[in-house]
Amino acid sequence: MKQKIPELTYEPCRLHLCDLILKHELNLLFPESTSSPDIPYNFVAEVKKDWTRHVENYQSRTDLNDIVNYDDLPKTEERRDDYRLLLDLVKAKRMKLQTNLPAKIKLVQTPPPICNSRWNSRAIYCLFTEIVGGYEDEAILLANEFIVNYWAPVWFNVHHSVDWSKLCEISDKTKNIMKKHNLLLKDENPFTNDGAERVFAYANLKIPRFRKLDYLEKDLIACLNKK
């Protein structure tokens, strides 16, 4: 494969790319003050400590409205409970910005993980702190507007046709970090870890059967182009 496609490179998983962008943008608003493996923002620990109380108080409200769907966000999210919670929170924040109406959210009773490696948890805690917790610190408001207007539409659609231009609002510092890591936002579909997994699966199953590299190249391209 290397002989036939010498420039083949593997770009990182698109979800991880989006999460890296979120991490660096939020770090500008909430400077890290610890080397802990947990998300180091002060409000995260406070919200997690009172998570159950915040959930109960929010669910007891009588003024909640059905969630509104948006064209640039999926209607439902079935992959994971924390992904579904994130989607509900994003839509609730959009509703608040556009109509100032509180939304019905299917909240979870247990706080999501706060490990640094689960970067999408940063978005959950930021949105939860404002929407459910009722805190409206200026930095949290700015973070949440970035999340719902620019970041979330890319993150939730990242396995399909992605409009990377929505992330043009990232800061110069984040752009420099992406450039340093060779993580360039492109209009075309980047080669992701999904593609890498297909290559390795293909290699295990089919490479021993081919004796001519020309046939191998054509079959590999057909494999990668499958939906």
C-alpha atoms as a PDB file:
ATOM      1  CA  MET A   1       0.000   0.000   0.000  1.00  0.00           C
ATOM      2  CA  LYS A   2       2.804   2.407   0.814  1.00  0.00           C
ATOM      3  CA  GLN A   3       4.344   1.804  -2.620  1.00  0.00           C
ATOM      4  CA  LYS A   4       1.098   2.556  -4.441  1.00  0.00           C
ATOM      5  CA  ILE A   5      -0.162   5.382  -2.194  1.00  0.00           C
ATOM      6  CA  PRO A   6       2.988   6.959  -0.686  1.00  0.00           C
ATOM      7  CA  GLU A   7       1.205  10.100   0.599  1.00  0.00           C
ATOM      8  CA  LEU A   8      -1.426   8.180   2.537  1.00  0.00           C
ATOM      9  CA  THR A   9      -1.828   9.790   5.963  1.00  0.00           C
ATOM     10  CA  TYR A  10      -4.229   9.232   8.781  1.00  0.00           C
ATOM     11  CA  GLU A  11      -5.835  12.262  10.313  1.00  0.00           C
ATOM     12  CA  PRO A  12      -7.161  12.010  13.857  1.00  0.00           C
ATOM     13  CA  CYS A  13     -10.724  11.080  14.632  1.00  0.00           C
ATOM     14  CA  ARG A  14     -12.966  14.031  13.819  1.00  0.00           C
ATOM     15  CA  LEU A  15     -14.659  13.830  17.200  1.00  0.00           C
ATOM     16  CA  HIS A  16     -11.305  14.131  18.932  1.00  0.00           C
ATOM     17  CA  LEU A  17     -10.384  17.038  16.685  1.00  0.00           C
ATOM     18  CA  CYS A  18     -13.576  18.856  17.682  1.00  0.00           C
ATOM     19  CA  ASP A  19     -12.962  18.059  21.333  1.00  0.00           C
ATOM     20  CA  LEU A  20      -9.421  19.409  21.122  1.00  0.00           C
ATOM     21  CA  ILE A  21     -10.792  22.662  19.738  1.00  0.00           C
ATOM     22  CA  LEU A  22     -13.339  22.847  22.545  1.00  0.00           C
ATOM     23  CA  LYS A  23     -10.662  22.147  25.143  1.00  0.00           C
ATOM     24  CA  HIS A  24      -8.376  24.936  23.936  1.00  0.00           C
ATOM     25  CA  GLU A  25     -11.207  27.452  23.527  1.00  0.00           C
ATOM     26  CA  LEU A  26     -12.508  26.816  27.042  1.00  0.00           C
ATOM     27  CA  ASN A  27      -9.018  26.977  28.487  1.00  0.00           C
ATOM     28  CA  LEU A  28      -8.861  30.572  27.251  1.00  0.00           C
ATOM     29  CA  LEU A  29     -12.003  31.392  29.249  1.00  0.00           C
ATOM     30  CA  PHE A  30     -11.207  29.199  32.255  1.00  0.00           C
ATOM     31  CA  PRO A  31      -7.414  29.008  32.687  1.00  0.00           C
ATOM     32  CA  GLU A  32      -6.303  25.680  34.100  1.00  0.00           C
ATOM     33  CA  SER A  33      -4.948  25.963  37.617  1.00  0.00           C
ATOM     34  CA  THR A  34      -4.115  22.353  38.423  1.00  0.00           C
ATOM     35  CA  SER A  35      -2.428  19.301  36.963  1.00  0.00           C
ATOM     36  CA  SER A  36      -5.276  17.044  38.104  1.00  0.00           C
ATOM     37  CA  PRO A  37      -6.472  14.465  35.548  1.00  0.00           C
ATOM     38  CA  ASP A  38      -9.989  15.852  36.059  1.00  0.00           C
ATOM     39  CA  ILE A  39     -11.441  18.843  34.230  1.00  0.00           C
ATOM     40  CA  PRO A  40      -9.809  21.690  36.160  1.00  0.00           C
ATOM     41  CA  TYR A  41     -12.499  24.384  36.045  1.00  0.00           C
ATOM     42  CA  ASN A  42     -13.707  25.492  39.463  1.00  0.00           C
ATOM     43  CA  PHE A  43     -17.403  25.497  38.554  1.00  0.00           C
ATOM     44  CA  VAL A  44     -17.266  21.807  37.550  1.00  0.00           C
ATOM     45  CA  ALA A  45     -16.512  20.626  41.081  1.00  0.00           C
ATOM     46  CA  GLU A  46     -19.235  22.860  42.511  1.00  0.00           C
ATOM     47  CA  VAL A  47     -21.886  21.660  40.069  1.00  0.00           C
ATOM     48  CA  LYS A  48     -20.912  18.014  40.470  1.00  0.00           C
ATOM     49  CA  LYS A  49     -21.167  18.278  44.260  1.00  0.00           C
ATOM     50  CA  ASP A  50     -24.769  19.559  44.051  1.00  0.00           C
ATOM     51  CA  TRP A  51     -25.766  17.684  40.873  1.00  0.00           C
ATOM     52  CA  THR A  52     -28.735  15.831  42.404  1.00  0.00           C
ATOM     53  CA  ARG A  53     -30.164  18.981  43.985  1.00  0.00           C
ATOM     54  CA  HIS A  54     -29.855  20.906  40.705  1.00  0.00           C
ATOM     55  CA  VAL A  55     -31.597  18.087  38.799  1.00  0.00           C
ATOM     56  CA  GLU A  56     -34.449  17.834  41.289  1.00  0.00           C
ATOM     57  CA  ASN A  57     -34.973  21.604  41.366  1.00  0.00           C
ATOM     58  CA  TYR A  58     -35.040  21.850  37.575  1.00  0.00           C
ATOM     59  CA  GLN A  59     -37.387  18.908  37.094  1.00  0.00           C
ATOM     60  CA  SER A  60     -39.815  20.368  39.633  1.00  0.00           C
ATOM     61  CA  ARG A  61     -40.328  23.498  37.535  1.00  0.00           C
ATOM     62  CA  THR A  62     -43.787  23.972  36.046  1.00  0.00           C
ATOM     63  CA  ASP A  63     -42.780  26.326  33.223  1.00  0.00           C
ATOM     64  CA  LEU A  64     -40.766  23.873  31.090  1.00  0.00           C
ATOM     65  CA  ASN A  65     -41.469  23.634  27.356  1.00  0.00           C
ATOM     66  CA  ASP A  66     -40.971  20.898  24.749  1.00  0.00           C
ATOM     67  CA  ILE A  67     -37.545  20.976  23.165  1.00  0.00           C
ATOM     68  CA  VAL A  68     -37.318  22.591  19.727  1.00  0.00           C
ATOM     69  CA  ASN A  69     -35.448  20.802  16.919  1.00  0.00           C
ATOM     70  CA  TYR A  70     -32.964  22.631  14.704  1.00  0.00           C
ATOM     71  CA  ASP A  71     -31.892  21.914  11.140  1.00  0.00           C
ATOM     72  CA  ASP A  72     -28.184  21.807  11.952  1.00  0.00           C
ATOM     73  CA  LEU A  73     -28.581  19.381  14.871  1.00  0.00           C
ATOM     74  CA  PRO A  74     -29.854  15.783  14.958  1.00  0.00           C
ATOM     75  CA  LYS A  75     -33.384  15.218  16.224  1.00  0.00           C
ATOM     76  CA  THR A  76     -32.293  12.400  18.519  1.00  0.00           C
ATOM     77  CA  GLU A  77     -29.079  10.914  19.861  1.00  0.00           C
ATOM     78  CA  GLU A  78     -29.014   7.184  20.596  1.00  0.00           C
ATOM     79  CA  ARG A  79     -25.305   6.405  20.857  1.00  0.00           C
ATOM     80  CA  ARG A  80     -24.715   7.256  24.515  1.00  0.00           C
ATOM     81  CA  ASP A  81     -26.625   8.820  27.412  1.00  0.00           C
ATOM     82  CA  ASP A  82     -24.063  11.607  27.793  1.00  0.00           C
ATOM     83  CA  TYR A  83     -24.308  12.415  24.059  1.00  0.00           C
ATOM     84  CA  ARG A  84     -28.102  12.613  24.396  1.00  0.00           C
ATOM     85  CA  LEU A  85     -27.785  14.850  27.456  1.00  0.00           C
ATOM     86  CA  LEU A  86     -25.386  17.102  25.565  1.00  0.00           C
ATOM     87  CA  LEU A  87     -27.807  17.369  22.638  1.00  0.00           C
ATOM     88  CA  ASP A  88     -30.709  18.281  24.951  1.00  0.00           C
ATOM     89  CA  LEU A  89     -28.607  20.910  26.703  1.00  0.00           C
ATOM     90  CA  VAL A  90     -27.483  22.418  23.397  1.00  0.00           C
ATOM     91  CA  LYS A  91     -31.098  22.719  22.205  1.00  0.00           C
ATOM     92  CA  ALA A  92     -32.168  24.126  25.577  1.00  0.00           C
ATOM     93  CA  LYS A  93     -29.511  26.835  25.335  1.00  0.00           C
ATOM     94  CA  ARG A  94     -30.605  27.658  21.775  1.00  0.00           C
ATOM     95  CA  MET A  95     -34.187  27.995  23.026  1.00  0.00           C
ATOM     96  CA  LYS A  96     -33.052  30.271  25.812  1.00  0.00           C
ATOM     97  CA  LEU A  97     -31.123  32.484  23.389  1.00  0.00           C
ATOM     98  CA  GLN A  98     -33.969  32.695  20.878  1.00  0.00           C
ATOM     99  CA  THR A  99     -37.127  32.655  22.997  1.00  0.00           C
ATOM    100  CA  ASN A 100     -35.969  32.825  26.624  1.00  0.00           C
ATOM    101  CA  LEU A 101     -38.130  29.751  27.337  1.00  0.00           C
ATOM    102  CA  PRO A 102     -36.852  26.916  29.577  1.00  0.00           C
ATOM    103  CA  ALA A 103     -36.844  23.464  27.972  1.00  0.00           C
ATOM    104  CA  LYS A 104     -37.778  19.989  29.178  1.00  0.00           C
ATOM    105  CA  ILE A 105     -34.531  18.028  29.438  1.00  0.00           C
ATOM    106  CA  LYS A 106     -34.111  14.334  30.165  1.00  0.00           C
ATOM    107  CA  LEU A 107     -31.505  14.755  32.884  1.00  0.00           C
ATOM    108  CA  VAL A 108     -29.337  12.004  34.310  1.00  0.00           C
ATOM    109  CA  GLN A 109     -29.152  11.366  38.042  1.00  0.00           C
ATOM    110  CA  THR A 110     -25.409  10.659  38.033  1.00  0.00           C
ATOM    111  CA  PRO A 111     -22.904  13.342  36.999  1.00  0.00           C
ATOM    112  CA  PRO A 112     -20.954  12.496  33.802  1.00  0.00           C
ATOM    113  CA  PRO A 113     -17.224  11.694  34.099  1.00  0.00           C
ATOM    114  CA  ILE A 114     -14.958  14.687  34.580  1.00  0.00           C
ATOM    115  CA  CYS A 115     -11.756  13.074  33.334  1.00  0.00           C
ATOM    116  CA  ASN A 116      -9.760  15.326  30.993  1.00  0.00           C
ATOM    117  CA  SER A 117      -9.835  12.642  28.315  1.00  0.00           C
ATOM    118  CA  ARG A 118     -13.643  12.986  28.030  1.00  0.00           C
ATOM    119  CA  TRP A 119     -13.493  16.438  26.502  1.00  0.00           C
ATOM    120  CA  ASN A 120     -17.143  16.573  25.485  1.00  0.00           C
ATOM    121  CA  SER A 121     -17.874  16.542  29.240  1.00  0.00           C
ATOM    122  CA  ARG A 122     -16.590  20.118  29.280  1.00  0.00           C
ATOM    123  CA  ALA A 123     -19.528  21.131  27.087  1.00  0.00           C
ATOM    124  CA  ILE A 124     -21.997  19.207  29.260  1.00  0.00           C
ATOM    125  CA  TYR A 125     -20.814  20.853  32.473  1.00  0.00           C
ATOM    126  CA  CYS A 126     -20.704  24.337  30.930  1.00  0.00           C
ATOM    127  CA  LEU A 127     -24.262  24.067  29.636  1.00  0.00           C
ATOM    128  CA  PHE A 128     -25.590  22.305  32.750  1.00  0.00           C
ATOM    129  CA  THR A 129     -24.096  25.011  34.973  1.00  0.00           C
ATOM    130  CA  GLU A 130     -26.074  27.723  33.171  1.00  0.00           C
ATOM    131  CA  ILE A 131     -29.257  25.927  32.068  1.00  0.00           C
ATOM    132  CA  VAL A 132     -29.908  23.706  35.088  1.00  0.00           C
ATOM    133  CA  GLY A 133     -27.714  25.263  37.762  1.00  0.00           C
ATOM    134  CA  GLY A 134     -28.792  28.808  36.982  1.00  0.00           C
ATOM    135  CA  TYR A 135     -25.282  30.293  37.063  1.00  0.00           C
ATOM    136  CA  GLU A 136     -24.741  33.061  34.512  1.00  0.00           C
ATOM    137  CA  ASP A 137     -21.090  33.991  34.884  1.00  0.00           C
ATOM    138  CA  GLU A 138     -19.889  35.946  31.833  1.00  0.00           C
ATOM    139  CA  ALA A 139     -17.271  33.349  30.899  1.00  0.00           C
ATOM    140  CA  ILE A 140     -19.841  30.539  31.075  1.00  0.00           C
ATOM    141  CA  LEU A 141     -22.264  32.492  28.883  1.00  0.00           C
ATOM    142  CA  LEU A 142     -19.537  33.109  26.287  1.00  0.00           C
ATOM    143  CA  ALA A 143     -18.470  29.468  26.368  1.00  0.00           C
ATOM    144  CA  ASN A 144     -22.015  28.237  25.885  1.00  0.00           C
ATOM    145  CA  GLU A 145     -22.697  30.552  22.953  1.00  0.00           C
ATOM    146  CA  PHE A 146     -19.582  29.174  21.243  1.00  0.00           C
ATOM    147  CA  ILE A 147     -20.668  25.607  22.016  1.00  0.00           C
ATOM    148  CA  VAL A 148     -24.225  25.839  20.701  1.00  0.00           C
ATOM    149  CA  ASN A 149     -23.658  28.131  17.711  1.00  0.00           C
ATOM    150  CA  TYR A 150     -20.338  26.914  16.337  1.00  0.00           C
ATOM    151  CA  TRP A 151     -19.041  23.758  17.981  1.00  0.00           C
ATOM    152  CA  ALA A 152     -22.096  21.521  18.467  1.00  0.00           C
ATOM    153  CA  PRO A 153     -23.335  21.584  14.835  1.00  0.00           C
ATOM    154  CA  VAL A 154     -19.956  20.217  13.735  1.00  0.00           C
ATOM    155  CA  TRP A 155     -19.530  17.773  16.619  1.00  0.00           C
ATOM    156  CA  PHE A 156     -22.944  16.135  16.196  1.00  0.00           C
ATOM    157  CA  ASN A 157     -22.656  15.839  12.414  1.00  0.00           C
ATOM    158  CA  VAL A 158     -19.013  14.894  12.289  1.00  0.00           C
ATOM    159  CA  HIS A 159     -19.595  11.386  10.904  1.00  0.00           C
ATOM    160  CA  HIS A 160     -21.554  12.776   7.964  1.00  0.00           C
ATOM    161  CA  SER A 161     -21.051  15.787   5.711  1.00  0.00           C
ATOM    162  CA  VAL A 162     -19.346  18.355   7.923  1.00  0.00           C
ATOM    163  CA  ASP A 163     -19.379  22.108   7.444  1.00  0.00           C
ATOM    164  CA  TRP A 164     -15.998  22.866   8.990  1.00  0.00           C
ATOM    165  CA  SER A 165     -16.517  26.573   8.224  1.00  0.00           C
ATOM    166  CA  LYS A 166     -18.758  26.731  11.315  1.00  0.00           C
ATOM    167  CA  LEU A 167     -15.567  26.517  13.356  1.00  0.00           C
ATOM    168  CA  CYS A 168     -14.051  29.603  11.736  1.00  0.00           C
ATOM    169  CA  GLU A 169     -14.791  31.458  14.991  1.00  0.00           C
ATOM    170  CA  ILE A 170     -12.015  29.709  16.916  1.00  0.00           C
ATOM    171  CA  SER A 171      -9.349  31.932  18.401  1.00  0.00           C
ATOM    172  CA  ASP A 172      -5.947  32.554  16.833  1.00  0.00           C
ATOM    173  CA  LYS A 173      -4.345  30.659  19.702  1.00  0.00           C
ATOM    174  CA  THR A 174      -6.425  27.569  18.982  1.00  0.00           C
ATOM    175  CA  LYS A 175      -5.670  27.852  15.248  1.00  0.00           C
ATOM    176  CA  ASN A 176      -1.952  27.927  16.048  1.00  0.00           C
ATOM    177  CA  ILE A 177      -2.305  24.871  18.286  1.00  0.00           C
ATOM    178  CA  MET A 178      -4.170  23.003  15.537  1.00  0.00           C
ATOM    179  CA  LYS A 179      -1.467  23.976  13.059  1.00  0.00           C
ATOM    180  CA  LYS A 180       1.247  22.808  15.433  1.00  0.00           C
ATOM    181  CA  HIS A 181      -0.419  19.413  15.677  1.00  0.00           C
ATOM    182  CA  ASN A 182      -0.966  19.377  11.916  1.00  0.00           C
ATOM    183  CA  LEU A 183      -4.707  19.349  12.489  1.00  0.00           C
ATOM    184  CA  LEU A 184      -5.988  21.438   9.621  1.00  0.00           C
ATOM    185  CA  LEU A 185      -9.697  21.972   9.121  1.00  0.00           C
ATOM    186  CA  LYS A 186     -10.509  21.026   5.544  1.00  0.00           C
ATOM    187  CA  ASP A 187     -13.613  21.287   3.408  1.00  0.00           C
ATOM    188  CA  GLU A 188     -13.145  17.779   2.081  1.00  0.00           C
ATOM    189  CA  ASN A 189     -13.754  14.729   4.231  1.00  0.00           C
ATOM    190  CA  PRO A 190     -10.617  14.027   6.240  1.00  0.00           C
ATOM    191  CA  PHE A 191      -9.182  10.539   6.533  1.00  0.00           C
ATOM    192  CA  THR A 192     -10.287   9.487  10.003  1.00  0.00           C
ATOM    193  CA  ASN A 193      -9.661   6.647  12.405  1.00  0.00           C
ATOM    194  CA  ASP A 194     -12.705   5.003  10.842  1.00  0.00           C
ATOM    195  CA  GLY A 195     -10.773   4.886   7.589  1.00  0.00           C
ATOM    196  CA  ALA A 196      -7.717   3.537   9.372  1.00  0.00           C
ATOM    197  CA  GLU A 197      -9.780   0.756  10.927  1.00  0.00           C
ATOM    198  CA  ARG A 198     -11.098  -0.199   7.483  1.00  0.00           C
ATOM    199  CA  VAL A 199      -7.541  -0.347   6.134  1.00  0.00           C
ATOM    200  CA  PHE A 200      -6.388  -2.701   8.871  1.00  0.00           C
ATOM    201  CA  ALA A 201      -9.472  -4.901   8.546  1.00  0.00           C
ATOM    202  CA  TYR A 202      -8.957  -4.953   4.797  1.00  0.00           C
ATOM    203  CA  ALA A 203      -5.278  -5.807   5.200  1.00  0.00           C
ATOM    204  CA  ASN A 204      -5.988  -8.779   7.441  1.00  0.00           C
ATOM    205  CA  LEU A 205      -8.652 -10.199   5.142  1.00  0.00           C
ATOM    206  CA  LYS A 206      -7.555  -9.457   1.619  1.00  0.00           C
ATOM    207  CA  ILE A 207      -3.902  -8.578   1.169  1.00  0.00           C
ATOM    208  CA  PRO A 208      -2.708 -12.222   1.235  1.00  0.00           C
ATOM    209  CA  ARG A 209      -5.021 -12.935  -1.735  1.00  0.00           C
ATOM    210  CA  PHE A 210      -3.510 -10.302  -4.040  1.00  0.00           C
ATOM    211  CA  ARG A 211      -0.331 -10.789  -6.018  1.00  0.00           C
ATOM    212  CA  LYS A 212      -0.442  -7.568  -8.067  1.00  0.00           C
ATOM    213  CA  LEU A 213      -0.359  -4.171  -6.398  1.00  0.00           C
ATOM    214  CA  ASP A 214      -2.574  -2.626  -9.095  1.00  0.00           C
ATOM    215  CA  TYR A 215      -5.456  -4.892  -8.107  1.00  0.00           C
ATOM    216  CA  LEU A 216      -4.775  -4.179  -4.451  1.00  0.00           C
ATOM    217  CA  GLU A 217      -4.941  -0.417  -4.954  1.00  0.00           C
ATOM    218  CA  LYS A 218      -8.275  -0.531  -6.824  1.00  0.00           C
ATOM    219  CA  ASP A 219      -9.867  -2.866  -4.299  1.00  0.00           C
ATOM    220  CA  LEU A 220      -8.612  -0.784  -1.339  1.00  0.00           C
ATOM    221  CA  ILE A 221     -10.071   2.434  -2.768  1.00  0.00           C
ATOM    222  CA  ALA A 222     -13.399   0.699  -3.368  1.00  0.00           C
ATOM    223  CA  CYS A 223     -13.368  -0.546   0.244  1.00  0.00           C
ATOM    224  CA  LEU A 224     -12.696   2.929   1.665  1.00  0.00           C
ATOM    225  CA  ASN A 225     -15.413   4.509  -0.445  1.00  0.00           C
ATOM    226  CA  LYS A 226     -18.103   2.255   0.979  1.00  0.00           C
ATOM    227  CA  LYS A 227     -20.637   4.065   3.156  1.00  0.00           C
END
